[in-house]
Structure formats: structure tokens, C-alpha cells
Amino acid sequence: MRKRLQTKLSATLPPEQLKKIYNSFDIVGDIAIIKTATPNLENAETAANQIMVIHKNVKTVFAQSSPIKGDFRVRQLNLLAGENKTITLYKENGCQFRVDVEKCYFSPRLSHERARIADLVESGEVVVNMFAGVGCFSVIIAKKVSQTKVYSIDVNPTAFEYMQQNVKVNRVYGNVVPLLGDAKEVIQTKLQGIADRVLMPLPEKALEYLPYAIMALKPEGGWIHFYDFQHATREENPVEKTKTQVAQKLACIGTDYRFASSRVVRSTGPNWWQTVLDIQVSGKPSKF
């Protein structure tokens, strides 16, 4: 998609302007979201119109005009072309999700990761998803794996509302339990010692919330899927940097564990990487 867009734009924009258009964009349902390296509205609108020519299913194109930020993980969007709407229907891994791309966090770039985690879950497991958003990880797990129970937590009321809709649409009601609130408080009051597996797909808060992920695990331990953002130069390994930080945190808690697997999930910017650690916890400290 990216190369095709650049090729098409090269016919209408000179090279110096073409460089100012980000070479990546996301398509969520029938909505496309692009970034520009400059607030040049004319260039961005040219890119938006070309996206709609290439991708006939796209009805709306936005420019992301702010970073993803805040407890709700939302961003500002400016309409560039098409219908002025932010709600769409997105399909992935045999499931469908309603999402408001302006009021909820959502990334189609994690589709492979969502499928990978679902493949790791075994029948009958209890899963706690600490940062569930509109419920993609949770619903896909429940849809793919029989007899699972997924406690699906998010602090954003709008995301929680869409999560409830997505549970019903995908017919996983009872297997996915939507819970509104901060994951720390929800685990402390309702979910201590119940989980075989905990998902932490919010890199900005994962290290801070790691003790509560351990708190949610059963007394004999279980699995934690820990996501992180790391800045790393060519001489540095972003996965090893994540391991070092997590190892220090777990040492302070007093937890027996091993890093079963680890990898870079994706690049998120120049010298920035999203990483994931699959951590097997074999012993919890007595204070939990």
C-alpha cells in the first residue's frame, strides 16, 4: 500500500514535497488515517484523494494531527477527504469490531499479534486483559479458543461501550466479561489470583502495572504478555532493553519467572520499537 501510494503521488508532487508526506497510513474499516511530516494541508489532501482512488472501499480520510496521548489513548483527527464520520466496522481474524477511531485507541497493525496470542491460549484458561480497548484481543481469544473466560478491562467509557457491542456482535457473551475501570483497582477488588494469563497491551503503563498483573495470576503463577516501547540506536537491542527493565522490576517484587520468548512487534518511528515479552511466572511472592 505504501509503495503504491508513493508511486501515485510522484506523478503529482515534486520530490521535495513527496518527502514531506509520511510513507505509511492505516486503514480501519472504511476509514484511512495518515500522518504528514508537515502541516501542509494541500499535500495532505492530495495524498488523501489518492488513497481513495487506490482503495475503493475507503469513504473517509483523516490526518492525525496529534500524538496518541492521555489515559484514554486518543488522538486528534482532521478530515481531509470523504464523509465526516469517525465510526466504522473493522474485520479481523474472523471477527468484526465497531470502533470510533477518534474516541478509542485502535491499531490494525497489531492484527498478527492478536492472532499470535490467541494461538497460545489453551482451552479452559482464565485470561485478564488489563487494557482491552474495544475488546479485540479479548474477543478474538474467546472466538478461537473454547471454554475460555476473558476479563476485559478498560478505563475509557467510550471504548467500554464499544467493547460491550463487540462482545454481543461476535457472540462471545459470557466468555468475555467487559469491566469498566482502572486495571489496578479492578484487579485489587475483583480479580486477584484468578488468571492463567494476563495481557498488558499498553506499553506506556505496562511497567507501572506489572505488580498488578502478577497479583491477577493464580497462586501457582501463569503467563504475562508484556508490551513496551523502546528507543534503540543501531548499536542497541530494543528487546534486551525491555528485558533489563522488566527483570529489575520483577526482582524488586520477588517473583520467579523466565522470558519464554521475546521479539520486536513493529517499528513505531525513527529508532523507536514496540516489543513484547512472553513471561512465564512460576512463583508469586507471599504478599500476593
C-alpha atoms as a PDB file:
ATOM      1  CA  MET A   1       0.000   0.000   0.000  1.00  0.00           C
ATOM      2  CA  ARG A   2       2.731   2.455   0.988  1.00  0.00           C
ATOM      3  CA  LYS A   3       4.860   1.949  -2.130  1.00  0.00           C
ATOM      4  CA  ARG A   4       1.824   2.196  -4.348  1.00  0.00           C
ATOM      5  CA  LEU A   5       0.774   5.472  -2.739  1.00  0.00           C
ATOM      6  CA  GLN A   6       4.265   6.949  -3.153  1.00  0.00           C
ATOM      7  CA  THR A   7       4.337   5.909  -6.807  1.00  0.00           C
ATOM      8  CA  LYS A   8       0.968   7.519  -7.492  1.00  0.00           C
ATOM      9  CA  LEU A   9       1.895  10.720  -5.657  1.00  0.00           C
ATOM     10  CA  SER A  10       5.196  11.024  -7.535  1.00  0.00           C
ATOM     11  CA  ALA A  11       3.176  11.950 -10.597  1.00  0.00           C
ATOM     12  CA  THR A  12       1.567  14.935  -8.873  1.00  0.00           C
ATOM     13  CA  LEU A  13       4.080  16.094  -6.242  1.00  0.00           C
ATOM     14  CA  PRO A  14       7.702  17.164  -6.747  1.00  0.00           C
ATOM     15  CA  PRO A  15      10.326  15.089  -4.840  1.00  0.00           C
ATOM     16  CA  GLU A  16      10.895  17.686  -2.120  1.00  0.00           C
ATOM     17  CA  GLN A  17       7.172  17.719  -1.286  1.00  0.00           C
ATOM     18  CA  LEU A  18       6.798  13.952  -1.627  1.00  0.00           C
ATOM     19  CA  LYS A  19       9.370  13.512   1.150  1.00  0.00           C
ATOM     20  CA  LYS A  20       7.143  15.518   3.482  1.00  0.00           C
ATOM     21  CA  ILE A  21       4.293  13.014   3.197  1.00  0.00           C
ATOM     22  CA  TYR A  22       4.636  10.113   5.609  1.00  0.00           C
ATOM     23  CA  ASN A  23       5.051   6.859   3.688  1.00  0.00           C
ATOM     24  CA  SER A  24       2.585   4.964   5.902  1.00  0.00           C
ATOM     25  CA  PHE A  25      -1.096   5.074   6.684  1.00  0.00           C
ATOM     26  CA  ASP A  26      -3.678   2.901   8.399  1.00  0.00           C
ATOM     27  CA  ILE A  27      -6.990   1.680   7.061  1.00  0.00           C
ATOM     28  CA  VAL A  28      -9.597   0.828   9.689  1.00  0.00           C
ATOM     29  CA  GLY A  29     -12.745  -0.437   8.052  1.00  0.00           C
ATOM     30  CA  ASP A  30     -13.656   2.259   5.522  1.00  0.00           C
ATOM     31  CA  ILE A  31     -11.588   4.989   7.239  1.00  0.00           C
ATOM     32  CA  ALA A  32      -7.965   5.809   6.385  1.00  0.00           C
ATOM     33  CA  ILE A  33      -5.679   7.738   8.745  1.00  0.00           C
ATOM     34  CA  ILE A  34      -2.436   9.309   7.525  1.00  0.00           C
ATOM     35  CA  LYS A  35       0.344  11.325   9.082  1.00  0.00           C
ATOM     36  CA  THR A  36       2.195  14.188   7.449  1.00  0.00           C
ATOM     37  CA  ALA A  37       5.636  15.437   8.348  1.00  0.00           C
ATOM     38  CA  THR A  38       4.406  18.977   7.786  1.00  0.00           C
ATOM     39  CA  PRO A  39       1.036  20.687   8.283  1.00  0.00           C
ATOM     40  CA  ASN A  40       0.894  21.414   4.525  1.00  0.00           C
ATOM     41  CA  LEU A  41      -2.823  20.876   4.021  1.00  0.00           C
ATOM     42  CA  GLU A  42      -2.658  20.865   0.227  1.00  0.00           C
ATOM     43  CA  ASN A  43      -0.129  17.997   0.167  1.00  0.00           C
ATOM     44  CA  ALA A  44      -2.109  16.027   2.736  1.00  0.00           C
ATOM     45  CA  GLU A  45      -5.330  16.437   0.756  1.00  0.00           C
ATOM     46  CA  THR A  46      -3.547  15.248  -2.383  1.00  0.00           C
ATOM     47  CA  ALA A  47      -2.438  12.112  -0.541  1.00  0.00           C
ATOM     48  CA  ALA A  48      -5.944  11.604   0.876  1.00  0.00           C
ATOM     49  CA  ASN A  49      -7.607  11.808  -2.525  1.00  0.00           C
ATOM     50  CA  GLN A  50      -5.096   9.369  -3.987  1.00  0.00           C
ATOM     51  CA  ILE A  51      -5.771   6.877  -1.160  1.00  0.00           C
ATOM     52  CA  MET A  52      -9.469   6.970  -2.044  1.00  0.00           C
ATOM     53  CA  VAL A  53      -8.623   6.334  -5.712  1.00  0.00           C
ATOM     54  CA  ILE A  54      -6.434   3.329  -4.862  1.00  0.00           C
ATOM     55  CA  HIS A  55      -8.692   1.906  -2.142  1.00  0.00           C
ATOM     56  CA  LYS A  56     -12.260   1.988  -3.398  1.00  0.00           C
ATOM     57  CA  ASN A  57     -13.662   0.854  -0.037  1.00  0.00           C
ATOM     58  CA  VAL A  58     -12.298   3.917   1.796  1.00  0.00           C
ATOM     59  CA  LYS A  59     -15.019   6.509   2.403  1.00  0.00           C
ATOM     60  CA  THR A  60     -13.165   8.854   4.776  1.00  0.00           C
ATOM     61  CA  VAL A  61      -9.564  10.027   5.129  1.00  0.00           C
ATOM     62  CA  PHE A  62      -8.240  11.807   8.218  1.00  0.00           C
ATOM     63  CA  ALA A  63      -4.894  13.343   9.073  1.00  0.00           C
ATOM     64  CA  GLN A  64      -3.640  12.522  12.547  1.00  0.00           C
ATOM     65  CA  SER A  65      -2.768  15.948  13.941  1.00  0.00           C
ATOM     66  CA  SER A  66      -1.585  14.957  17.434  1.00  0.00           C
ATOM     67  CA  PRO A  67       0.202  12.032  19.042  1.00  0.00           C
ATOM     68  CA  ILE A  68      -1.791   9.356  20.853  1.00  0.00           C
ATOM     69  CA  LYS A  69      -1.929  10.584  24.444  1.00  0.00           C
ATOM     70  CA  GLY A  70      -3.790  10.611  27.735  1.00  0.00           C
ATOM     71  CA  ASP A  71      -5.332   7.840  29.808  1.00  0.00           C
ATOM     72  CA  PHE A  72      -7.811   7.123  27.008  1.00  0.00           C
ATOM     73  CA  ARG A  73      -5.060   6.854  24.331  1.00  0.00           C
ATOM     74  CA  VAL A  74      -6.811   9.097  21.825  1.00  0.00           C
ATOM     75  CA  ARG A  75      -5.609  11.458  19.091  1.00  0.00           C
ATOM     76  CA  GLN A  76      -6.872  14.483  17.175  1.00  0.00           C
ATOM     77  CA  LEU A  77      -8.046  13.862  13.617  1.00  0.00           C
ATOM     78  CA  ASN A  78      -8.624  16.392  10.841  1.00  0.00           C
ATOM     79  CA  LEU A  79     -10.879  15.483   7.926  1.00  0.00           C
ATOM     80  CA  LEU A  80      -9.056  15.553   4.582  1.00  0.00           C
ATOM     81  CA  ALA A  81     -11.482  13.836   2.209  1.00  0.00           C
ATOM     82  CA  GLY A  82     -14.758  11.941   2.091  1.00  0.00           C
ATOM     83  CA  GLU A  83     -17.516  11.594   4.680  1.00  0.00           C
ATOM     84  CA  ASN A  84     -17.154  13.317   8.034  1.00  0.00           C
ATOM     85  CA  LYS A  85     -17.503  10.247  10.270  1.00  0.00           C
ATOM     86  CA  THR A  86     -15.288   8.529  12.826  1.00  0.00           C
ATOM     87  CA  ILE A  87     -17.251   5.305  13.467  1.00  0.00           C
ATOM     88  CA  THR A  88     -16.518   2.277  11.310  1.00  0.00           C
ATOM     89  CA  LEU A  89     -16.748  -1.513  11.160  1.00  0.00           C
ATOM     90  CA  TYR A  90     -13.434  -3.376  11.067  1.00  0.00           C
ATOM     91  CA  LYS A  91     -12.986  -7.092  10.333  1.00  0.00           C
ATOM     92  CA  GLU A  92     -10.093  -9.233  11.525  1.00  0.00           C
ATOM     93  CA  ASN A  93      -9.386 -12.885  12.337  1.00  0.00           C
ATOM     94  CA  GLY A  94     -12.967 -13.908  11.655  1.00  0.00           C
ATOM     95  CA  CYS A  95     -14.376 -11.226  13.989  1.00  0.00           C
ATOM     96  CA  GLN A  96     -15.876  -7.793  13.430  1.00  0.00           C
ATOM     97  CA  PHE A  97     -15.457  -4.710  15.558  1.00  0.00           C
ATOM     98  CA  ARG A  98     -17.247  -1.392  15.747  1.00  0.00           C
ATOM     99  CA  VAL A  99     -14.843   1.363  16.713  1.00  0.00           C
ATOM    100  CA  ASP A 100     -14.753   5.145  16.910  1.00  0.00           C
ATOM    101  CA  VAL A 101     -11.239   5.965  15.684  1.00  0.00           C
ATOM    102  CA  GLU A 102     -11.314   9.402  17.320  1.00  0.00           C
ATOM    103  CA  LYS A 103     -12.586   8.416  20.775  1.00  0.00           C
ATOM    104  CA  CYS A 104     -10.973   4.961  21.186  1.00  0.00           C
ATOM    105  CA  TYR A 105      -7.479   3.597  20.746  1.00  0.00           C
ATOM    106  CA  PHE A 106      -7.197   1.113  17.908  1.00  0.00           C
ATOM    107  CA  SER A 107      -4.359  -0.164  15.728  1.00  0.00           C
ATOM    108  CA  PRO A 108      -4.842  -2.527  12.774  1.00  0.00           C
ATOM    109  CA  ARG A 109      -1.071  -3.096  12.868  1.00  0.00           C
ATOM    110  CA  LEU A 110      -1.473  -5.454  15.826  1.00  0.00           C
ATOM    111  CA  SER A 111      -3.586  -7.973  13.902  1.00  0.00           C
ATOM    112  CA  HIS A 112      -0.779 -10.535  13.708  1.00  0.00           C
ATOM    113  CA  GLU A 113      -0.049 -10.103  17.402  1.00  0.00           C
ATOM    114  CA  ARG A 114      -3.675 -10.615  18.344  1.00  0.00           C
ATOM    115  CA  ALA A 115      -3.762 -13.856  16.343  1.00  0.00           C
ATOM    116  CA  ARG A 116      -0.456 -14.989  17.861  1.00  0.00           C
ATOM    117  CA  ILE A 117      -1.680 -14.543  21.433  1.00  0.00           C
ATOM    118  CA  ALA A 118      -4.950 -16.334  20.674  1.00  0.00           C
ATOM    119  CA  ASP A 119      -2.946 -19.295  19.363  1.00  0.00           C
ATOM    120  CA  LEU A 120      -1.085 -19.508  22.685  1.00  0.00           C
ATOM    121  CA  VAL A 121      -4.206 -19.637  24.857  1.00  0.00           C
ATOM    122  CA  GLU A 122      -5.386 -23.111  25.816  1.00  0.00           C
ATOM    123  CA  SER A 123      -8.951 -24.297  26.240  1.00  0.00           C
ATOM    124  CA  GLY A 124     -10.367 -23.558  29.673  1.00  0.00           C
ATOM    125  CA  GLU A 125      -7.945 -20.769  30.563  1.00  0.00           C
ATOM    126  CA  VAL A 126      -8.925 -17.662  32.501  1.00  0.00           C
ATOM    127  CA  VAL A 127      -7.429 -14.542  30.902  1.00  0.00           C
ATOM    128  CA  VAL A 128      -7.231 -10.982  32.233  1.00  0.00           C
ATOM    129  CA  ASN A 129      -6.807  -8.279  29.578  1.00  0.00           C
ATOM    130  CA  MET A 130      -5.718  -5.210  31.539  1.00  0.00           C
ATOM    131  CA  PHE A 131      -6.006  -2.673  28.696  1.00  0.00           C
ATOM    132  CA  ALA A 132      -8.675  -4.043  26.396  1.00  0.00           C
ATOM    133  CA  GLY A 133      -9.796  -1.029  24.337  1.00  0.00           C
ATOM    134  CA  VAL A 134     -12.770  -2.040  22.187  1.00  0.00           C
ATOM    135  CA  GLY A 135     -12.058  -5.700  23.002  1.00  0.00           C
ATOM    136  CA  CYS A 136     -10.091  -7.012  20.007  1.00  0.00           C
ATOM    137  CA  PHE A 137      -7.632  -9.258  21.877  1.00  0.00           C
ATOM    138  CA  SER A 138     -10.408 -10.472  24.175  1.00  0.00           C
ATOM    139  CA  VAL A 139     -12.997 -11.249  21.507  1.00  0.00           C
ATOM    140  CA  ILE A 140     -10.528 -12.989  19.185  1.00  0.00           C
ATOM    141  CA  ILE A 141      -9.311 -15.223  22.030  1.00  0.00           C
ATOM    142  CA  ALA A 142     -12.864 -16.136  23.046  1.00  0.00           C
ATOM    143  CA  LYS A 143     -13.851 -16.783  19.440  1.00  0.00           C
ATOM    144  CA  LYS A 144     -10.856 -19.022  18.695  1.00  0.00           C
ATOM    145  CA  VAL A 145     -10.435 -20.917  21.967  1.00  0.00           C
ATOM    146  CA  SER A 146     -13.205 -22.964  23.561  1.00  0.00           C
ATOM    147  CA  GLN A 147     -14.270 -22.610  27.180  1.00  0.00           C
ATOM    148  CA  THR A 148     -12.163 -19.535  27.862  1.00  0.00           C
ATOM    149  CA  LYS A 149     -13.130 -16.740  30.208  1.00  0.00           C
ATOM    150  CA  VAL A 150     -11.621 -13.334  29.413  1.00  0.00           C
ATOM    151  CA  TYR A 151     -11.986 -10.462  31.886  1.00  0.00           C
ATOM    152  CA  SER A 152     -11.674  -7.438  29.632  1.00  0.00           C
ATOM    153  CA  ILE A 153     -10.816  -4.149  31.373  1.00  0.00           C
ATOM    154  CA  ASP A 154     -10.645  -0.586  30.059  1.00  0.00           C
ATOM    155  CA  VAL A 155     -10.794   2.817  31.699  1.00  0.00           C
ATOM    156  CA  ASN A 156     -12.247   4.646  28.678  1.00  0.00           C
ATOM    157  CA  PRO A 157     -16.085   4.689  28.903  1.00  0.00           C
ATOM    158  CA  THR A 158     -16.458   5.018  25.132  1.00  0.00           C
ATOM    159  CA  ALA A 159     -14.133   2.086  24.457  1.00  0.00           C
ATOM    160  CA  PHE A 160     -16.017   0.097  27.094  1.00  0.00           C
ATOM    161  CA  GLU A 161     -19.304   0.840  25.343  1.00  0.00           C
ATOM    162  CA  TYR A 162     -17.944  -0.417  22.021  1.00  0.00           C
ATOM    163  CA  MET A 163     -16.425  -3.420  23.761  1.00  0.00           C
ATOM    164  CA  GLN A 164     -19.868  -4.396  25.023  1.00  0.00           C
ATOM    165  CA  GLN A 165     -21.270  -4.073  21.486  1.00  0.00           C
ATOM    166  CA  ASN A 166     -18.430  -6.150  20.035  1.00  0.00           C
ATOM    167  CA  VAL A 167     -18.964  -8.909  22.580  1.00  0.00           C
ATOM    168  CA  LYS A 168     -22.599  -9.186  21.503  1.00  0.00           C
ATOM    169  CA  VAL A 169     -21.942  -8.904  17.757  1.00  0.00           C
ATOM    170  CA  ASN A 170     -19.331 -11.680  17.897  1.00  0.00           C
ATOM    171  CA  ARG A 171     -21.496 -13.857  20.164  1.00  0.00           C
ATOM    172  CA  VAL A 172     -18.938 -14.289  22.922  1.00  0.00           C
ATOM    173  CA  TYR A 173     -21.196 -13.007  25.685  1.00  0.00           C
ATOM    174  CA  GLY A 174     -20.345 -14.882  28.891  1.00  0.00           C
ATOM    175  CA  ASN A 175     -16.885 -15.789  27.606  1.00  0.00           C
ATOM    176  CA  VAL A 176     -15.774 -12.162  27.560  1.00  0.00           C
ATOM    177  CA  VAL A 177     -16.655 -10.113  30.646  1.00  0.00           C
ATOM    178  CA  PRO A 178     -16.314  -6.332  29.974  1.00  0.00           C
ATOM    179  CA  LEU A 179     -15.212  -4.340  33.025  1.00  0.00           C
ATOM    180  CA  LEU A 180     -15.024  -0.540  33.199  1.00  0.00           C
ATOM    181  CA  GLY A 181     -12.307   0.955  35.365  1.00  0.00           C
ATOM    182  CA  ASP A 182      -8.611   1.295  36.057  1.00  0.00           C
ATOM    183  CA  ALA A 183      -6.941  -2.122  35.845  1.00  0.00           C
ATOM    184  CA  LYS A 184      -5.165  -1.618  39.174  1.00  0.00           C
ATOM    185  CA  GLU A 185      -8.421  -1.091  41.053  1.00  0.00           C
ATOM    186  CA  VAL A 186     -10.363  -3.760  39.177  1.00  0.00           C
ATOM    187  CA  ILE A 187      -7.731  -6.414  39.863  1.00  0.00           C
ATOM    188  CA  GLN A 188      -7.353  -5.438  43.517  1.00  0.00           C
ATOM    189  CA  THR A 189     -11.089  -5.557  44.176  1.00  0.00           C
ATOM    190  CA  LYS A 190     -12.322  -8.321  41.848  1.00  0.00           C
ATOM    191  CA  LEU A 191      -9.649 -10.348  40.078  1.00  0.00           C
ATOM    192  CA  GLN A 192      -6.874 -11.317  42.488  1.00  0.00           C
ATOM    193  CA  GLY A 193      -5.451 -14.802  41.955  1.00  0.00           C
ATOM    194  CA  ILE A 194      -7.798 -15.931  39.180  1.00  0.00           C
ATOM    195  CA  ALA A 195      -5.829 -15.744  35.918  1.00  0.00           C
ATOM    196  CA  ASP A 196      -3.832 -18.272  33.934  1.00  0.00           C
ATOM    197  CA  ARG A 197      -2.743 -15.499  31.583  1.00  0.00           C
ATOM    198  CA  VAL A 198      -2.571 -11.686  31.702  1.00  0.00           C
ATOM    199  CA  LEU A 199      -2.339  -9.364  28.696  1.00  0.00           C
ATOM    200  CA  MET A 200      -0.707  -5.926  29.015  1.00  0.00           C
ATOM    201  CA  PRO A 201      -1.091  -4.287  25.570  1.00  0.00           C
ATOM    202  CA  LEU A 202      -0.482  -0.730  26.813  1.00  0.00           C
ATOM    203  CA  PRO A 203       3.268  -0.048  26.581  1.00  0.00           C
ATOM    204  CA  GLU A 204       3.059   3.346  28.274  1.00  0.00           C
ATOM    205  CA  LYS A 205       1.826   1.846  31.549  1.00  0.00           C
ATOM    206  CA  ALA A 206       2.928  -1.772  31.438  1.00  0.00           C
ATOM    207  CA  LEU A 207       5.945  -1.434  33.738  1.00  0.00           C
ATOM    208  CA  GLU A 208       3.959   0.532  36.338  1.00  0.00           C
ATOM    209  CA  TYR A 209       1.122  -2.000  36.275  1.00  0.00           C
ATOM    210  CA  LEU A 210       3.291  -5.147  36.261  1.00  0.00           C
ATOM    211  CA  PRO A 211       2.804  -5.885  40.001  1.00  0.00           C
ATOM    212  CA  TYR A 212      -0.967  -5.940  39.428  1.00  0.00           C
ATOM    213  CA  ALA A 213      -0.581  -8.367  36.537  1.00  0.00           C
ATOM    214  CA  ILE A 214       1.218 -10.705  38.926  1.00  0.00           C
ATOM    215  CA  MET A 215      -1.498 -10.110  41.512  1.00  0.00           C
ATOM    216  CA  ALA A 216      -4.094 -11.313  38.996  1.00  0.00           C
ATOM    217  CA  LEU A 217      -2.296 -14.616  38.347  1.00  0.00           C
ATOM    218  CA  LYS A 218      -3.233 -17.814  40.144  1.00  0.00           C
ATOM    219  CA  PRO A 219      -1.097 -18.768  43.174  1.00  0.00           C
ATOM    220  CA  GLU A 220       0.917 -21.211  41.063  1.00  0.00           C
ATOM    221  CA  GLY A 221       1.670 -18.488  38.510  1.00  0.00           C
ATOM    222  CA  GLY A 222       0.935 -18.309  34.801  1.00  0.00           C
ATOM    223  CA  TRP A 223       1.728 -16.183  31.766  1.00  0.00           C
ATOM    224  CA  ILE A 224       2.141 -12.426  31.260  1.00  0.00           C
ATOM    225  CA  HIS A 225       2.358 -10.844  27.813  1.00  0.00           C
ATOM    226  CA  PHE A 226       4.183  -7.575  28.378  1.00  0.00           C
ATOM    227  CA  TYR A 227       4.321  -4.849  25.715  1.00  0.00           C
ATOM    228  CA  ASP A 228       6.758  -1.953  25.710  1.00  0.00           C
ATOM    229  CA  PHE A 229       8.035   0.963  23.637  1.00  0.00           C
ATOM    230  CA  GLN A 230      11.808   1.276  23.438  1.00  0.00           C
ATOM    231  CA  HIS A 231      14.165   3.788  21.874  1.00  0.00           C
ATOM    232  CA  ALA A 232      17.199   1.995  20.464  1.00  0.00           C
ATOM    233  CA  THR A 233      20.062   3.033  18.214  1.00  0.00           C
ATOM    234  CA  ARG A 234      21.628   0.680  15.691  1.00  0.00           C
ATOM    235  CA  GLU A 235      24.070  -0.446  18.365  1.00  0.00           C
ATOM    236  CA  GLU A 236      21.275  -1.238  20.851  1.00  0.00           C
ATOM    237  CA  ASN A 237      18.794  -4.103  21.044  1.00  0.00           C
ATOM    238  CA  PRO A 238      15.298  -2.857  21.976  1.00  0.00           C
ATOM    239  CA  VAL A 239      14.197  -6.300  23.192  1.00  0.00           C
ATOM    240  CA  GLU A 240      17.176  -6.576  25.537  1.00  0.00           C
ATOM    241  CA  LYS A 241      16.444  -3.111  26.902  1.00  0.00           C
ATOM    242  CA  THR A 242      12.883  -4.196  27.688  1.00  0.00           C
ATOM    243  CA  LYS A 243      14.145  -7.384  29.346  1.00  0.00           C
ATOM    244  CA  THR A 244      16.523  -5.410  31.565  1.00  0.00           C
ATOM    245  CA  GLN A 245      13.778  -3.077  32.811  1.00  0.00           C
ATOM    246  CA  VAL A 246      11.326  -5.907  33.434  1.00  0.00           C
ATOM    247  CA  ALA A 247      13.951  -8.047  35.187  1.00  0.00           C
ATOM    248  CA  GLN A 248      14.727  -5.184  37.563  1.00  0.00           C
ATOM    249  CA  LYS A 249      11.032  -4.711  38.336  1.00  0.00           C
ATOM    250  CA  LEU A 250      10.419  -8.423  38.928  1.00  0.00           C
ATOM    251  CA  ALA A 251      13.494  -8.648  41.147  1.00  0.00           C
ATOM    252  CA  CYS A 252      12.040  -5.921  43.364  1.00  0.00           C
ATOM    253  CA  ILE A 253       8.736  -7.798  43.561  1.00  0.00           C
ATOM    254  CA  GLY A 254      10.413 -11.126  44.304  1.00  0.00           C
ATOM    255  CA  THR A 255       8.906 -13.224  41.518  1.00  0.00           C
ATOM    256  CA  ASP A 256      10.190 -16.454  39.950  1.00  0.00           C
ATOM    257  CA  TYR A 257       9.973 -16.172  36.172  1.00  0.00           C
ATOM    258  CA  ARG A 258      11.568 -16.822  32.811  1.00  0.00           C
ATOM    259  CA  PHE A 259      11.410 -14.978  29.499  1.00  0.00           C
ATOM    260  CA  ALA A 260       9.964 -17.724  27.320  1.00  0.00           C
ATOM    261  CA  SER A 261      10.062 -15.649  24.132  1.00  0.00           C
ATOM    262  CA  SER A 262      10.547 -12.071  23.037  1.00  0.00           C
ATOM    263  CA  ARG A 263      10.531 -10.069  19.838  1.00  0.00           C
ATOM    264  CA  VAL A 264      10.055  -6.728  18.145  1.00  0.00           C
ATOM    265  CA  VAL A 265       6.402  -6.320  17.205  1.00  0.00           C
ATOM    266  CA  ARG A 266       6.850  -3.299  14.918  1.00  0.00           C
ATOM    267  CA  SER A 267       8.650  -0.044  14.348  1.00  0.00           C
ATOM    268  CA  THR A 268       6.758   2.977  15.683  1.00  0.00           C
ATOM    269  CA  GLY A 269       9.093   5.740  14.486  1.00  0.00           C
ATOM    270  CA  PRO A 270      12.758   6.527  13.851  1.00  0.00           C
ATOM    271  CA  ASN A 271      14.717   4.394  16.369  1.00  0.00           C
ATOM    272  CA  TRP A 272      11.511   3.546  18.262  1.00  0.00           C
ATOM    273  CA  TRP A 273      10.206  -0.012  18.583  1.00  0.00           C
ATOM    274  CA  GLN A 274       7.301  -1.861  20.133  1.00  0.00           C
ATOM    275  CA  THR A 275       8.470  -5.036  21.860  1.00  0.00           C
ATOM    276  CA  VAL A 276       6.743  -7.960  23.543  1.00  0.00           C
ATOM    277  CA  LEU A 277       7.918 -10.376  26.227  1.00  0.00           C
ATOM    278  CA  ASP A 278       6.097 -13.647  26.918  1.00  0.00           C
ATOM    279  CA  ILE A 279       6.860 -14.171  30.602  1.00  0.00           C
ATOM    280  CA  GLN A 280       6.199 -17.429  32.437  1.00  0.00           C
ATOM    281  CA  VAL A 281       5.738 -16.780  36.157  1.00  0.00           C
ATOM    282  CA  SER A 282       6.301 -19.885  38.276  1.00  0.00           C
ATOM    283  CA  GLY A 283       6.087 -18.393  41.751  1.00  0.00           C
ATOM    284  CA  LYS A 284       4.367 -15.405  43.302  1.00  0.00           C
ATOM    285  CA  PRO A 285       5.610 -13.562  46.376  1.00  0.00           C
ATOM    286  CA  SER A 286       3.708 -14.314  49.573  1.00  0.00           C
ATOM    287  CA  LYS A 287       2.383 -10.741  49.822  1.00  0.00           C
ATOM    288  CA  PHE A 288       0.147 -11.534  46.861  1.00  0.00           C
END
